[in-house]
Amino acid sequence: MAEIIQIGRVSSRGQIAIPVDVRRALGLEEGEKLMFVLDGDVLTIRKISKSKKSWEELTGPLREVMEKSGIKEEEVVELIHKHRKLQKKK
Protein backbone atom coordinates (compact mmCIF):
# COMPACT_ATOMS: atom_id res chain seq x y z
CA MET A 1 0.00 0.00 0.00
CA ALA A 2 1.34 3.43 -0.91
CA GLU A 3 2.09 5.85 1.91
CA ILE A 4 -0.73 8.32 2.54
CA ILE A 5 -0.16 11.33 4.77
CA GLN A 6 -3.22 13.36 5.72
CA ILE A 7 -4.18 15.68 8.56
CA GLY A 8 -7.47 15.29 10.39
CA ARG A 9 -9.20 17.12 13.21
CA VAL A 10 -10.75 16.15 16.50
CA SER A 11 -14.23 17.58 17.14
CA SER A 12 -15.40 19.03 20.45
CA ARG A 13 -17.00 15.62 21.14
CA GLY A 14 -13.70 13.78 20.56
CA GLN A 15 -14.71 12.46 17.16
CA ILE A 16 -12.05 12.06 14.48
CA ALA A 17 -12.78 12.57 10.80
CA ILE A 18 -10.76 10.05 8.79
CA PRO A 19 -9.66 11.60 5.48
CA VAL A 20 -11.39 10.16 2.42
CA ASP A 21 -8.14 8.92 0.84
CA VAL A 22 -7.35 6.90 3.98
CA ARG A 23 -10.90 5.49 4.17
CA ARG A 24 -10.73 4.42 0.53
CA ALA A 25 -7.28 2.85 0.90
CA LEU A 26 -8.47 0.79 3.88
CA GLY A 27 -11.89 0.09 2.42
CA LEU A 28 -13.52 1.56 5.53
CA GLU A 29 -17.29 1.71 5.50
CA GLU A 30 -19.75 3.27 7.94
CA GLY A 31 -20.08 1.24 11.12
CA GLU A 32 -16.79 -0.64 10.80
CA LYS A 33 -14.75 -1.08 13.96
CA LEU A 34 -11.27 0.25 14.58
CA MET A 35 -8.81 -0.51 17.36
CA PHE A 36 -6.85 2.34 18.98
CA VAL A 37 -3.45 1.60 20.57
CA LEU A 38 -1.64 4.38 22.43
CA ASP A 39 2.08 3.98 23.11
CA GLY A 40 3.52 7.17 24.58
CA ASP A 41 2.56 9.91 22.15
CA VAL A 42 2.05 7.50 19.23
CA LEU A 43 -1.52 6.52 18.41
CA THR A 44 -1.98 3.54 16.11
CA ILE A 45 -5.37 2.95 14.55
CA ARG A 46 -6.00 -0.52 13.12
CA LYS A 47 -8.92 -1.68 11.07
CA ILE A 48 -10.60 -4.72 12.55
CA SER A 49 -11.10 -6.90 9.53
CA LYS A 50 -14.50 -8.37 8.79
CA SER A 51 -12.74 -11.69 8.46
CA LYS A 52 -12.62 -13.48 11.76
CA LYS A 53 -9.31 -12.66 13.37
CA SER A 54 -8.35 -14.49 16.48
CA TRP A 55 -8.43 -12.72 19.82
CA GLU A 56 -4.65 -13.13 19.91
CA GLU A 57 -4.27 -11.22 16.62
CA LEU A 58 -6.50 -8.38 17.83
CA THR A 59 -4.91 -8.02 21.25
CA GLY A 60 -1.30 -8.62 20.15
CA PRO A 61 -0.44 -4.90 19.87
CA LEU A 62 -1.98 -4.26 23.29
CA ARG A 63 0.05 -7.06 24.81
CA GLU A 64 3.24 -5.60 23.30
CA VAL A 65 2.53 -2.24 24.94
CA MET A 66 1.75 -3.98 28.22
CA GLU A 67 5.06 -5.86 28.11
CA LYS A 68 7.01 -2.67 27.33
CA SER A 69 5.35 -0.79 30.19
CA GLY A 70 5.74 -3.58 32.75
CA ILE A 71 2.00 -3.56 33.56
CA LYS A 72 0.62 -6.88 34.71
CA GLU A 73 -2.75 -8.10 33.47
CA GLU A 74 -4.22 -8.13 36.98
CA GLU A 75 -3.33 -4.40 37.38
CA VAL A 76 -5.28 -3.23 34.34
CA VAL A 77 -8.72 -2.85 35.95
CA GLU A 78 -7.30 -0.88 38.87
CA LEU A 79 -5.37 1.40 36.49
CA ILE A 80 -8.52 2.06 34.46
CA HIS A 81 -10.44 3.06 37.62
CA LYS A 82 -7.60 5.37 38.73
CA HIS A 83 -7.47 6.99 35.29
CA ARG A 84 -11.24 7.55 35.24
CA LYS A 85 -11.10 9.21 38.67
CA LEU A 86 -8.34 11.54 37.45
CA GLN A 87 -10.36 12.41 34.34
CA LYS A 88 -13.43 13.30 36.45
CA LYS A 89 -11.33 15.74 38.53
CA LYS A 90 -10.31 17.69 35.41
C-alpha atoms as a PDB file:
ATOM      1  CA  MET A   1       0.000   0.000   0.000  1.00  0.00           C
ATOM      2  CA  ALA A   2       1.338   3.434  -0.906  1.00  0.00           C
ATOM      3  CA  GLU A   3       2.088   5.852   1.912  1.00  0.00           C
ATOM      4  CA  ILE A   4      -0.730   8.324   2.545  1.00  0.00           C
ATOM      5  CA  ILE A   5      -0.160  11.327   4.773  1.00  0.00           C
ATOM      6  CA  GLN A   6      -3.220  13.362   5.717  1.00  0.00           C
ATOM      7  CA  ILE A   7      -4.179  15.676   8.557  1.00  0.00           C
ATOM      8  CA  GLY A   8      -7.473  15.287  10.389  1.00  0.00           C
ATOM      9  CA  ARG A   9      -9.204  17.123  13.209  1.00  0.00           C
ATOM     10  CA  VAL A  10     -10.755  16.147  16.499  1.00  0.00           C
ATOM     11  CA  SER A  11     -14.229  17.576  17.135  1.00  0.00           C
ATOM     12  CA  SER A  12     -15.405  19.029  20.447  1.00  0.00           C
ATOM     13  CA  ARG A  13     -16.998  15.623  21.136  1.00  0.00           C
ATOM     14  CA  GLY A  14     -13.697  13.784  20.557  1.00  0.00           C
ATOM     15  CA  GLN A  15     -14.706  12.462  17.157  1.00  0.00           C
ATOM     16  CA  ILE A  16     -12.049  12.063  14.479  1.00  0.00           C
ATOM     17  CA  ALA A  17     -12.779  12.569  10.798  1.00  0.00           C
ATOM     18  CA  ILE A  18     -10.760  10.049   8.792  1.00  0.00           C
ATOM     19  CA  PRO A  19      -9.664  11.604   5.483  1.00  0.00           C
ATOM     20  CA  VAL A  20     -11.393  10.159   2.424  1.00  0.00           C
ATOM     21  CA  ASP A  21      -8.141   8.919   0.842  1.00  0.00           C
ATOM     22  CA  VAL A  22      -7.354   6.905   3.977  1.00  0.00           C
ATOM     23  CA  ARG A  23     -10.902   5.490   4.167  1.00  0.00           C
ATOM     24  CA  ARG A  24     -10.728   4.422   0.531  1.00  0.00           C
ATOM     25  CA  ALA A  25      -7.279   2.852   0.898  1.00  0.00           C
ATOM     26  CA  LEU A  26      -8.468   0.793   3.879  1.00  0.00           C
ATOM     27  CA  GLY A  27     -11.886   0.094   2.416  1.00  0.00           C
ATOM     28  CA  LEU A  28     -13.524   1.559   5.530  1.00  0.00           C
ATOM     29  CA  GLU A  29     -17.295   1.715   5.505  1.00  0.00           C
ATOM     30  CA  GLU A  30     -19.754   3.271   7.937  1.00  0.00           C
ATOM     31  CA  GLY A  31     -20.084   1.245  11.122  1.00  0.00           C
ATOM     32  CA  GLU A  32     -16.788  -0.641  10.802  1.00  0.00           C
ATOM     33  CA  LYS A  33     -14.755  -1.075  13.961  1.00  0.00           C
ATOM     34  CA  LEU A  34     -11.270   0.251  14.580  1.00  0.00           C
ATOM     35  CA  MET A  35      -8.814  -0.506  17.361  1.00  0.00           C
ATOM     36  CA  PHE A  36      -6.848   2.339  18.982  1.00  0.00           C
ATOM     37  CA  VAL A  37      -3.455   1.603  20.573  1.00  0.00           C
ATOM     38  CA  LEU A  38      -1.643   4.383  22.430  1.00  0.00           C
ATOM     39  CA  ASP A  39       2.084   3.985  23.107  1.00  0.00           C
ATOM     40  CA  GLY A  40       3.520   7.167  24.582  1.00  0.00           C
ATOM     41  CA  ASP A  41       2.558   9.905  22.151  1.00  0.00           C
ATOM     42  CA  VAL A  42       2.054   7.496  19.229  1.00  0.00           C
ATOM     43  CA  LEU A  43      -1.519   6.523  18.413  1.00  0.00           C
ATOM     44  CA  THR A  44      -1.978   3.543  16.106  1.00  0.00           C
ATOM     45  CA  ILE A  45      -5.372   2.947  14.551  1.00  0.00           C
ATOM     46  CA  ARG A  46      -5.998  -0.518  13.123  1.00  0.00           C
ATOM     47  CA  LYS A  47      -8.924  -1.681  11.070  1.00  0.00           C
ATOM     48  CA  ILE A  48     -10.600  -4.720  12.545  1.00  0.00           C
ATOM     49  CA  SER A  49     -11.103  -6.902   9.527  1.00  0.00           C
ATOM     50  CA  LYS A  50     -14.499  -8.368   8.785  1.00  0.00           C
ATOM     51  CA  SER A  51     -12.744 -11.690   8.461  1.00  0.00           C
ATOM     52  CA  LYS A  52     -12.620 -13.483  11.764  1.00  0.00           C
ATOM     53  CA  LYS A  53      -9.309 -12.663  13.370  1.00  0.00           C
ATOM     54  CA  SER A  54      -8.351 -14.495  16.482  1.00  0.00           C
ATOM     55  CA  TRP A  55      -8.435 -12.723  19.823  1.00  0.00           C
ATOM     56  CA  GLU A  56      -4.645 -13.132  19.910  1.00  0.00           C
ATOM     57  CA  GLU A  57      -4.271 -11.217  16.624  1.00  0.00           C
ATOM     58  CA  LEU A  58      -6.501  -8.385  17.832  1.00  0.00           C
ATOM     59  CA  THR A  59      -4.907  -8.024  21.249  1.00  0.00           C
ATOM     60  CA  GLY A  60      -1.300  -8.618  20.152  1.00  0.00           C
ATOM     61  CA  PRO A  61      -0.440  -4.899  19.872  1.00  0.00           C
ATOM     62  CA  LEU A  62      -1.985  -4.257  23.289  1.00  0.00           C
ATOM     63  CA  ARG A  63       0.050  -7.064  24.815  1.00  0.00           C
ATOM     64  CA  GLU A  64       3.241  -5.605  23.304  1.00  0.00           C
ATOM     65  CA  VAL A  65       2.526  -2.235  24.940  1.00  0.00           C
ATOM     66  CA  MET A  66       1.750  -3.984  28.223  1.00  0.00           C
ATOM     67  CA  GLU A  67       5.060  -5.859  28.108  1.00  0.00           C
ATOM     68  CA  LYS A  68       7.012  -2.667  27.330  1.00  0.00           C
ATOM     69  CA  SER A  69       5.351  -0.787  30.191  1.00  0.00           C
ATOM     70  CA  GLY A  70       5.736  -3.578  32.752  1.00  0.00           C
ATOM     71  CA  ILE A  71       1.997  -3.558  33.560  1.00  0.00           C
ATOM     72  CA  LYS A  72       0.616  -6.876  34.711  1.00  0.00           C
ATOM     73  CA  GLU A  73      -2.755  -8.099  33.472  1.00  0.00           C
ATOM     74  CA  GLU A  74      -4.223  -8.125  36.976  1.00  0.00           C
ATOM     75  CA  GLU A  75      -3.325  -4.403  37.383  1.00  0.00           C
ATOM     76  CA  VAL A  76      -5.277  -3.226  34.341  1.00  0.00           C
ATOM     77  CA  VAL A  77      -8.724  -2.855  35.951  1.00  0.00           C
ATOM     78  CA  GLU A  78      -7.296  -0.878  38.869  1.00  0.00           C
ATOM     79  CA  LEU A  79      -5.365   1.403  36.493  1.00  0.00           C
ATOM     80  CA  ILE A  80      -8.524   2.055  34.463  1.00  0.00           C
ATOM     81  CA  HIS A  81     -10.436   3.058  37.616  1.00  0.00           C
ATOM     82  CA  LYS A  82      -7.603   5.369  38.729  1.00  0.00           C
ATOM     83  CA  HIS A  83      -7.466   6.989  35.287  1.00  0.00           C
ATOM     84  CA  ARG A  84     -11.241   7.546  35.237  1.00  0.00           C
ATOM     85  CA  LYS A  85     -11.099   9.214  38.667  1.00  0.00           C
ATOM     86  CA  LEU A  86      -8.342  11.540  37.454  1.00  0.00           C
ATOM     87  CA  GLN A  87     -10.357  12.413  34.342  1.00  0.00           C
ATOM     88  CA  LYS A  88     -13.430  13.296  36.451  1.00  0.00           C
ATOM     89  CA  LYS A  89     -11.332  15.739  38.527  1.00  0.00           C
ATOM     90  CA  LYS A  90     -10.309  17.692  35.415  1.00  0.00           C
END
